[in-house]
Amino acid sequence: MESALFYLFGTISLIAAISVVAQRRVFYSALSLIICLCALSALYLLLKAPFIAAVQVIVYAGAIMVLFLFVIMMLDPFAAARLTDKKKWLGSLSVVLGTTMLTLILPFLSSYPRNLMAAQAGVVGTERIGRAIFDEYVLPFEATSILILVGIIGAVILGKRRA
């Protein structure tokens, strides 16, 4: 079962990574990158690294990609004519992808209590990482947050010049 999931998520991440480079629209490249990052998170879960998987989803696929999409939408909005053409096939695609994801998630939900006990056994490592971030590496952590804030401010300034 794990081998099949590994090949499935590995294939998804490879296809999404190729799609990042092959897409013509920047918005779709960013969406493909989110899919790739989520598939990599699933691979980390298969490798019994739940903290790295959670960080992958929360930090990269969550926060940073939302910022990327925000900047892309500010600088390159969709044309209304192209949106109406894409709405037809996106509805059926969303139903197929939703059903597929639900089918893949159900086995994990049925084994949730067992996985929760295994995850609680690794609390010491997670606590150690948290203490290292906020004790020893607080300056680089805060410098990164300031760098991201400067990037957001720059995107807003660039977006206002065009409007």
N, C-alpha and C. Protein backbone atom coordinates (compact mmCIF):
# COMPACT_ATOMS: atom_id res chain seq x y z
N MET A 1 0.82 -1.20 0.00
CA MET A 1 0.00 0.00 0.00
C MET A 1 0.87 1.26 0.00
N GLU A 2 1.91 1.27 0.86
CA GLU A 2 2.77 2.45 0.91
C GLU A 2 3.53 2.64 -0.39
N SER A 3 3.92 1.56 -1.01
CA SER A 3 4.64 1.65 -2.27
C SER A 3 3.75 2.26 -3.35
N ALA A 4 2.50 1.85 -3.38
CA ALA A 4 1.57 2.39 -4.38
C ALA A 4 1.32 3.88 -4.12
N LEU A 5 1.18 4.27 -2.85
CA LEU A 5 0.99 5.68 -2.53
C LEU A 5 2.23 6.50 -2.88
N PHE A 6 3.41 5.91 -2.65
CA PHE A 6 4.64 6.60 -3.02
C PHE A 6 4.69 6.89 -4.51
N TYR A 7 4.39 5.88 -5.32
CA TYR A 7 4.41 6.09 -6.77
C TYR A 7 3.31 7.05 -7.21
N LEU A 8 2.15 7.00 -6.56
CA LEU A 8 1.06 7.91 -6.91
C LEU A 8 1.45 9.36 -6.63
N PHE A 9 1.90 9.64 -5.40
CA PHE A 9 2.26 11.01 -5.06
C PHE A 9 3.53 11.47 -5.78
N GLY A 10 4.44 10.56 -6.04
CA GLY A 10 5.62 10.90 -6.83
C GLY A 10 5.25 11.29 -8.25
N THR A 11 4.32 10.57 -8.84
CA THR A 11 3.86 10.89 -10.19
C THR A 11 3.12 12.23 -10.21
N ILE A 12 2.29 12.45 -9.20
CA ILE A 12 1.56 13.72 -9.12
C ILE A 12 2.55 14.88 -9.00
N SER A 13 3.57 14.71 -8.16
CA SER A 13 4.53 15.81 -7.99
C SER A 13 5.34 16.05 -9.26
N LEU A 14 5.71 14.99 -9.96
CA LEU A 14 6.44 15.17 -11.22
C LEU A 14 5.59 15.85 -12.29
N ILE A 15 4.34 15.43 -12.43
CA ILE A 15 3.46 16.04 -13.42
C ILE A 15 3.22 17.50 -13.07
N ALA A 16 3.00 17.78 -11.79
CA ALA A 16 2.77 19.17 -11.38
C ALA A 16 4.01 20.02 -11.58
N ALA A 17 5.20 19.45 -11.32
CA ALA A 17 6.44 20.21 -11.53
C ALA A 17 6.65 20.52 -13.00
N ILE A 18 6.35 19.57 -13.86
CA ILE A 18 6.46 19.82 -15.30
C ILE A 18 5.43 20.87 -15.72
N SER A 19 4.26 20.82 -15.13
CA SER A 19 3.22 21.79 -15.44
C SER A 19 3.59 23.20 -15.00
N VAL A 20 4.38 23.32 -13.93
CA VAL A 20 4.84 24.64 -13.48
C VAL A 20 5.64 25.31 -14.59
N VAL A 21 6.48 24.54 -15.24
CA VAL A 21 7.34 25.09 -16.29
C VAL A 21 6.58 25.23 -17.62
N ALA A 22 5.65 24.34 -17.89
CA ALA A 22 5.01 24.29 -19.20
C ALA A 22 3.82 25.24 -19.35
N GLN A 23 3.25 25.71 -18.28
CA GLN A 23 2.07 26.57 -18.37
C GLN A 23 2.40 27.91 -19.01
N ARG A 24 1.45 28.43 -19.75
CA ARG A 24 1.64 29.75 -20.37
C ARG A 24 1.25 30.87 -19.40
N ARG A 25 0.24 30.63 -18.59
CA ARG A 25 -0.23 31.63 -17.64
C ARG A 25 0.48 31.43 -16.30
N VAL A 26 0.91 32.51 -15.72
CA VAL A 26 1.64 32.46 -14.45
C VAL A 26 0.74 31.95 -13.33
N PHE A 27 -0.53 32.29 -13.37
CA PHE A 27 -1.47 31.86 -12.35
C PHE A 27 -1.56 30.34 -12.30
N TYR A 28 -1.66 29.71 -13.46
CA TYR A 28 -1.75 28.25 -13.50
C TYR A 28 -0.43 27.59 -13.09
N SER A 29 0.67 28.25 -13.35
CA SER A 29 1.96 27.74 -12.87
C SER A 29 1.98 27.74 -11.35
N ALA A 30 1.48 28.81 -10.74
CA ALA A 30 1.45 28.87 -9.28
C ALA A 30 0.52 27.81 -8.70
N LEU A 31 -0.62 27.58 -9.34
CA LEU A 31 -1.51 26.52 -8.87
C LEU A 31 -0.86 25.14 -9.01
N SER A 32 -0.13 24.92 -10.08
CA SER A 32 0.58 23.66 -10.25
C SER A 32 1.66 23.50 -9.18
N LEU A 33 2.29 24.60 -8.81
CA LEU A 33 3.30 24.55 -7.75
C LEU A 33 2.67 24.18 -6.41
N ILE A 34 1.47 24.67 -6.14
CA ILE A 34 0.77 24.29 -4.91
C ILE A 34 0.48 22.80 -4.91
N ILE A 35 0.04 22.25 -6.04
CA ILE A 35 -0.23 20.82 -6.14
C ILE A 35 1.05 20.04 -5.91
N CYS A 36 2.15 20.50 -6.48
CA CYS A 36 3.44 19.83 -6.31
C CYS A 36 3.87 19.84 -4.84
N LEU A 37 3.70 20.97 -4.17
CA LEU A 37 4.09 21.06 -2.76
C LEU A 37 3.22 20.18 -1.88
N CYS A 38 1.95 20.08 -2.18
CA CYS A 38 1.07 19.20 -1.40
C CYS A 38 1.41 17.73 -1.63
N ALA A 39 1.77 17.37 -2.85
CA ALA A 39 2.18 16.00 -3.13
C ALA A 39 3.49 15.67 -2.41
N LEU A 40 4.40 16.63 -2.36
CA LEU A 40 5.64 16.42 -1.60
C LEU A 40 5.36 16.27 -0.12
N SER A 41 4.37 17.00 0.38
CA SER A 41 3.98 16.85 1.78
C SER A 41 3.47 15.44 2.05
N ALA A 42 2.70 14.90 1.12
CA ALA A 42 2.23 13.52 1.27
C ALA A 42 3.40 12.54 1.26
N LEU A 43 4.40 12.81 0.45
CA LEU A 43 5.60 11.95 0.45
C LEU A 43 6.32 12.02 1.79
N TYR A 44 6.38 13.21 2.39
CA TYR A 44 6.98 13.32 3.72
C TYR A 44 6.19 12.54 4.75
N LEU A 45 4.87 12.53 4.63
CA LEU A 45 4.06 11.73 5.55
C LEU A 45 4.37 10.24 5.38
N LEU A 46 4.57 9.82 4.15
CA LEU A 46 4.91 8.41 3.93
C LEU A 46 6.28 8.06 4.51
N LEU A 47 7.15 9.05 4.62
CA LEU A 47 8.48 8.84 5.20
C LEU A 47 8.49 8.99 6.72
N LYS A 48 7.29 9.09 7.31
CA LYS A 48 7.12 9.21 8.77
C LYS A 48 7.76 10.50 9.30
N ALA A 49 7.56 11.59 8.58
CA ALA A 49 8.04 12.91 9.00
C ALA A 49 6.86 13.87 9.03
N PRO A 50 5.98 13.74 10.05
CA PRO A 50 4.77 14.57 10.05
C PRO A 50 5.04 16.05 10.26
N PHE A 51 6.08 16.40 11.00
CA PHE A 51 6.38 17.82 11.21
C PHE A 51 6.79 18.49 9.91
N ILE A 52 7.67 17.85 9.16
CA ILE A 52 8.11 18.42 7.88
C ILE A 52 6.93 18.51 6.91
N ALA A 53 6.04 17.52 6.93
CA ALA A 53 4.86 17.56 6.06
C ALA A 53 3.95 18.71 6.43
N ALA A 54 3.75 18.93 7.72
CA ALA A 54 2.90 20.03 8.16
C ALA A 54 3.51 21.38 7.81
N VAL A 55 4.81 21.51 8.00
CA VAL A 55 5.49 22.76 7.65
C VAL A 55 5.41 23.00 6.14
N GLN A 56 5.54 21.95 5.37
CA GLN A 56 5.45 22.06 3.91
C GLN A 56 4.10 22.64 3.49
N VAL A 57 3.03 22.13 4.10
CA VAL A 57 1.70 22.61 3.73
C VAL A 57 1.43 23.99 4.31
N ILE A 58 1.74 24.20 5.58
CA ILE A 58 1.40 25.46 6.23
C ILE A 58 2.24 26.61 5.69
N VAL A 59 3.55 26.42 5.63
CA VAL A 59 4.42 27.53 5.24
C VAL A 59 4.47 27.70 3.73
N TYR A 60 4.81 26.64 3.01
CA TYR A 60 5.02 26.80 1.58
C TYR A 60 3.71 26.84 0.80
N ALA A 61 2.92 25.77 0.89
CA ALA A 61 1.69 25.72 0.11
C ALA A 61 0.65 26.69 0.65
N GLY A 62 0.75 27.02 1.92
CA GLY A 62 -0.21 27.94 2.51
C GLY A 62 0.20 29.38 2.38
N ALA A 63 1.11 29.80 3.22
CA ALA A 63 1.43 31.23 3.34
C ALA A 63 2.15 31.79 2.11
N ILE A 64 3.23 31.18 1.71
CA ILE A 64 4.04 31.76 0.64
C ILE A 64 3.32 31.70 -0.70
N MET A 65 2.63 30.62 -0.99
CA MET A 65 1.93 30.53 -2.26
C MET A 65 0.73 31.47 -2.30
N VAL A 66 0.09 31.72 -1.15
CA VAL A 66 -0.98 32.71 -1.12
C VAL A 66 -0.41 34.09 -1.48
N LEU A 67 0.77 34.40 -0.96
CA LEU A 67 1.41 35.66 -1.33
C LEU A 67 1.73 35.70 -2.82
N PHE A 68 2.25 34.61 -3.36
CA PHE A 68 2.54 34.57 -4.80
C PHE A 68 1.27 34.80 -5.61
N LEU A 69 0.21 34.10 -5.25
CA LEU A 69 -1.04 34.24 -5.99
C LEU A 69 -1.61 35.64 -5.85
N PHE A 70 -1.46 36.24 -4.67
CA PHE A 70 -1.91 37.60 -4.47
C PHE A 70 -1.18 38.56 -5.40
N VAL A 71 0.11 38.42 -5.49
CA VAL A 71 0.91 39.29 -6.36
C VAL A 71 0.56 39.04 -7.82
N ILE A 72 0.41 37.79 -8.20
CA ILE A 72 0.08 37.47 -9.59
C ILE A 72 -1.28 38.06 -9.96
N MET A 73 -2.25 37.93 -9.07
CA MET A 73 -3.57 38.46 -9.37
C MET A 73 -3.56 39.99 -9.42
N MET A 74 -2.69 40.63 -8.64
CA MET A 74 -2.60 42.08 -8.71
C MET A 74 -1.96 42.55 -10.01
N LEU A 75 -0.96 41.83 -10.46
CA LEU A 75 -0.21 42.28 -11.63
C LEU A 75 -0.75 41.75 -12.95
N ASP A 76 -1.46 40.63 -12.94
CA ASP A 76 -1.91 40.01 -14.19
C ASP A 76 -3.32 39.47 -14.02
N PRO A 77 -4.33 40.32 -14.00
CA PRO A 77 -5.70 39.81 -13.80
C PRO A 77 -6.21 39.07 -15.03
N PHE A 78 -7.19 38.20 -14.78
CA PHE A 78 -7.79 37.43 -15.87
C PHE A 78 -8.67 38.32 -16.74
N ALA A 79 -8.72 37.98 -17.99
CA ALA A 79 -9.67 38.64 -18.88
C ALA A 79 -11.01 37.92 -18.75
N ALA A 80 -12.09 38.65 -18.77
CA ALA A 80 -13.42 38.07 -18.55
C ALA A 80 -13.79 37.09 -19.66
N ALA A 81 -13.36 37.34 -20.89
CA ALA A 81 -13.71 36.45 -22.00
C ALA A 81 -13.08 35.08 -21.84
N ARG A 82 -11.85 35.03 -21.35
CA ARG A 82 -11.19 33.74 -21.18
C ARG A 82 -11.79 32.95 -20.02
N LEU A 83 -12.28 33.64 -19.01
CA LEU A 83 -12.87 32.95 -17.86
C LEU A 83 -14.14 32.20 -18.23
N THR A 84 -14.97 32.76 -19.08
CA THR A 84 -16.22 32.08 -19.43
C THR A 84 -15.95 30.79 -20.19
N ASP A 85 -14.92 30.75 -21.01
CA ASP A 85 -14.59 29.53 -21.75
C ASP A 85 -14.08 28.43 -20.81
N LYS A 86 -13.35 28.80 -19.81
CA LYS A 86 -12.74 27.81 -18.92
C LYS A 86 -13.72 27.28 -17.89
N LYS A 87 -14.77 28.00 -17.59
CA LYS A 87 -15.73 27.58 -16.56
C LYS A 87 -16.44 26.29 -16.95
N LYS A 88 -16.59 26.02 -18.22
CA LYS A 88 -17.33 24.84 -18.66
C LYS A 88 -16.63 23.55 -18.24
N TRP A 89 -15.36 23.44 -18.52
CA TRP A 89 -14.66 22.19 -18.21
C TRP A 89 -14.09 22.18 -16.80
N LEU A 90 -13.95 23.32 -16.16
CA LEU A 90 -13.43 23.35 -14.79
C LEU A 90 -14.42 22.76 -13.80
N GLY A 91 -15.72 22.88 -14.05
CA GLY A 91 -16.73 22.30 -13.16
C GLY A 91 -16.63 20.78 -13.12
N SER A 92 -16.55 20.16 -14.28
CA SER A 92 -16.45 18.69 -14.32
C SER A 92 -15.10 18.22 -13.80
N LEU A 93 -14.06 18.97 -14.07
CA LEU A 93 -12.74 18.61 -13.56
C LEU A 93 -12.70 18.67 -12.04
N SER A 94 -13.36 19.66 -11.46
CA SER A 94 -13.36 19.78 -10.00
C SER A 94 -14.10 18.61 -9.35
N VAL A 95 -15.17 18.12 -9.97
CA VAL A 95 -15.89 16.97 -9.42
C VAL A 95 -15.00 15.73 -9.47
N VAL A 96 -14.31 15.52 -10.57
CA VAL A 96 -13.43 14.35 -10.70
C VAL A 96 -12.28 14.42 -9.69
N LEU A 97 -11.63 15.58 -9.58
CA LEU A 97 -10.52 15.73 -8.64
C LEU A 97 -10.99 15.63 -7.19
N GLY A 98 -12.14 16.19 -6.89
CA GLY A 98 -12.68 16.09 -5.53
C GLY A 98 -12.98 14.65 -5.13
N THR A 99 -13.57 13.91 -6.04
CA THR A 99 -13.87 12.49 -5.76
C THR A 99 -12.58 11.69 -5.59
N THR A 100 -11.59 11.97 -6.43
CA THR A 100 -10.31 11.27 -6.32
C THR A 100 -9.63 11.57 -4.99
N MET A 101 -9.61 12.83 -4.59
CA MET A 101 -8.97 13.19 -3.33
C MET A 101 -9.71 12.59 -2.14
N LEU A 102 -11.04 12.56 -2.18
CA LEU A 102 -11.81 11.95 -1.10
C LEU A 102 -11.51 10.46 -1.01
N THR A 103 -11.38 9.80 -2.15
CA THR A 103 -11.04 8.38 -2.16
C THR A 103 -9.66 8.14 -1.57
N LEU A 104 -8.73 9.04 -1.83
CA LEU A 104 -7.37 8.88 -1.30
C LEU A 104 -7.30 9.21 0.19
N ILE A 105 -8.13 10.12 0.67
CA ILE A 105 -8.06 10.54 2.06
C ILE A 105 -8.77 9.56 3.00
N LEU A 106 -9.79 8.87 2.54
CA LEU A 106 -10.55 7.98 3.41
C LEU A 106 -9.71 6.93 4.14
N PRO A 107 -8.75 6.26 3.51
CA PRO A 107 -7.93 5.30 4.28
C PRO A 107 -7.14 5.96 5.41
N PHE A 108 -6.68 7.19 5.20
CA PHE A 108 -5.95 7.88 6.26
C PHE A 108 -6.87 8.26 7.41
N LEU A 109 -8.11 8.63 7.10
CA LEU A 109 -9.05 9.00 8.15
C LEU A 109 -9.46 7.79 8.98
N SER A 110 -9.54 6.63 8.36
CA SER A 110 -9.91 5.43 9.11
C SER A 110 -8.80 4.99 10.07
N SER A 111 -7.56 5.31 9.76
CA SER A 111 -6.44 4.94 10.63
C SER A 111 -5.96 6.13 11.45
N TYR A 112 -6.80 7.15 11.63
CA TYR A 112 -6.40 8.37 12.33
C TYR A 112 -5.96 8.14 13.77
N PRO A 113 -6.69 7.38 14.61
CA PRO A 113 -6.22 7.20 16.00
C PRO A 113 -4.84 6.55 16.09
N ARG A 114 -4.57 5.58 15.24
CA ARG A 114 -3.27 4.91 15.25
C ARG A 114 -2.17 5.89 14.84
N ASN A 115 -2.44 6.72 13.82
CA ASN A 115 -1.45 7.70 13.37
C ASN A 115 -1.25 8.80 14.40
N LEU A 116 -2.31 9.13 15.15
CA LEU A 116 -2.18 10.15 16.18
C LEU A 116 -1.25 9.70 17.29
N MET A 117 -1.35 8.44 17.69
CA MET A 117 -0.46 7.92 18.73
C MET A 117 0.99 7.90 18.23
N ALA A 118 1.19 7.57 16.96
CA ALA A 118 2.55 7.56 16.42
C ALA A 118 3.10 8.98 16.33
N ALA A 119 2.25 9.94 16.01
CA ALA A 119 2.71 11.33 15.92
C ALA A 119 3.04 11.89 17.30
N GLN A 120 2.30 11.49 18.33
CA GLN A 120 2.57 11.98 19.67
C GLN A 120 3.88 11.44 20.22
N ALA A 121 4.33 10.31 19.71
CA ALA A 121 5.60 9.76 20.15
C ALA A 121 6.77 10.64 19.70
N GLY A 122 6.58 11.43 18.62
CA GLY A 122 7.65 12.28 18.11
C GLY A 122 7.60 13.71 18.61
N VAL A 123 6.89 13.98 19.72
CA VAL A 123 6.74 15.34 20.23
C VAL A 123 8.07 15.93 20.66
N VAL A 124 8.97 15.11 21.17
CA VAL A 124 10.25 15.62 21.66
C VAL A 124 11.03 16.28 20.53
N GLY A 125 11.05 15.68 19.34
CA GLY A 125 11.76 16.26 18.22
C GLY A 125 11.15 17.57 17.76
N THR A 126 9.82 17.64 17.73
CA THR A 126 9.14 18.86 17.34
C THR A 126 9.38 19.97 18.35
N GLU A 127 9.35 19.63 19.63
CA GLU A 127 9.60 20.63 20.67
C GLU A 127 11.03 21.16 20.57
N ARG A 128 11.96 20.28 20.29
CA ARG A 128 13.35 20.70 20.13
C ARG A 128 13.52 21.65 18.94
N ILE A 129 12.82 21.38 17.85
CA ILE A 129 12.89 22.25 16.67
C ILE A 129 12.30 23.62 17.01
N GLY A 130 11.17 23.64 17.71
CA GLY A 130 10.54 24.90 18.09
C GLY A 130 11.43 25.73 19.00
N ARG A 131 12.05 25.09 19.96
CA ARG A 131 12.95 25.82 20.86
C ARG A 131 14.17 26.35 20.10
N ALA A 132 14.68 25.60 19.17
CA ALA A 132 15.83 26.05 18.39
C ALA A 132 15.46 27.27 17.54
N ILE A 133 14.26 27.25 16.95
CA ILE A 133 13.84 28.38 16.11
C ILE A 133 13.71 29.65 16.95
N PHE A 134 13.09 29.54 18.11
CA PHE A 134 12.80 30.74 18.88
C PHE A 134 13.87 31.09 19.91
N ASP A 135 14.86 30.25 20.11
CA ASP A 135 15.96 30.58 21.02
C ASP A 135 17.24 30.92 20.26
N GLU A 136 17.72 29.96 19.49
CA GLU A 136 19.01 30.13 18.83
C GLU A 136 18.91 30.89 17.50
N TYR A 137 17.82 30.69 16.77
CA TYR A 137 17.72 31.26 15.42
C TYR A 137 16.61 32.31 15.33
N VAL A 138 16.39 33.06 16.38
CA VAL A 138 15.32 34.05 16.36
C VAL A 138 15.64 35.21 15.40
N LEU A 139 16.90 35.61 15.30
CA LEU A 139 17.26 36.70 14.40
C LEU A 139 17.02 36.35 12.92
N PRO A 140 17.49 35.19 12.42
CA PRO A 140 17.15 34.84 11.02
C PRO A 140 15.65 34.66 10.80
N PHE A 141 14.94 34.15 11.81
CA PHE A 141 13.50 33.95 11.71
C PHE A 141 12.80 35.30 11.52
N GLU A 142 13.17 36.28 12.32
CA GLU A 142 12.57 37.61 12.23
C GLU A 142 13.02 38.33 10.95
N ALA A 143 14.27 38.13 10.55
CA ALA A 143 14.75 38.75 9.30
C ALA A 143 13.98 38.22 8.10
N THR A 144 13.63 36.95 8.11
CA THR A 144 12.83 36.37 7.03
C THR A 144 11.45 36.98 6.99
N SER A 145 10.85 37.19 8.16
CA SER A 145 9.52 37.79 8.17
C SER A 145 9.56 39.23 7.66
N ILE A 146 10.61 39.97 7.98
CA ILE A 146 10.75 41.34 7.47
C ILE A 146 10.96 41.32 5.96
N LEU A 147 11.73 40.37 5.46
CA LEU A 147 11.95 40.25 4.02
C LEU A 147 10.65 39.97 3.28
N ILE A 148 9.81 39.11 3.83
CA ILE A 148 8.52 38.82 3.22
C ILE A 148 7.62 40.05 3.25
N LEU A 149 7.65 40.78 4.35
CA LEU A 149 6.85 42.01 4.46
C LEU A 149 7.29 43.04 3.43
N VAL A 150 8.59 43.18 3.22
CA VAL A 150 9.09 44.12 2.20
C VAL A 150 8.63 43.69 0.81
N GLY A 151 8.61 42.38 0.55
CA GLY A 151 8.10 41.89 -0.73
C GLY A 151 6.63 42.21 -0.94
N ILE A 152 5.83 42.10 0.10
CA ILE A 152 4.41 42.44 0.00
C ILE A 152 4.23 43.92 -0.28
N ILE A 153 4.98 44.76 0.44
CA ILE A 153 4.88 46.20 0.23
C ILE A 153 5.30 46.56 -1.19
N GLY A 154 6.36 45.94 -1.69
CA GLY A 154 6.80 46.18 -3.07
C GLY A 154 5.74 45.78 -4.08
N ALA A 155 5.05 44.66 -3.84
CA ALA A 155 4.00 44.22 -4.76
C ALA A 155 2.83 45.20 -4.77
N VAL A 156 2.48 45.71 -3.60
CA VAL A 156 1.39 46.69 -3.52
C VAL A 156 1.77 47.97 -4.25
N ILE A 157 3.00 48.43 -4.07
CA ILE A 157 3.45 49.65 -4.75
C ILE A 157 3.45 49.45 -6.27
N LEU A 158 3.95 48.30 -6.73
CA LEU A 158 3.94 48.03 -8.17
C LEU A 158 2.52 47.94 -8.70
N GLY A 159 1.62 47.35 -7.94
CA GLY A 159 0.23 47.22 -8.36
C GLY A 159 -0.48 48.56 -8.43
N LYS A 160 -0.16 49.47 -7.52
CA LYS A 160 -0.80 50.80 -7.52
C LYS A 160 -0.34 51.64 -8.70
N ARG A 161 0.89 51.47 -9.13
CA ARG A 161 1.40 52.25 -10.27
C ARG A 161 0.65 51.90 -11.55
N ARG A 162 0.25 50.67 -11.71
CA ARG A 162 -0.46 50.25 -12.92
C ARG A 162 -1.91 50.69 -12.91
N ALA A 163 -2.50 50.80 -11.73
CA ALA A 163 -3.94 51.09 -11.65
C ALA A 163 -4.25 52.54 -11.96
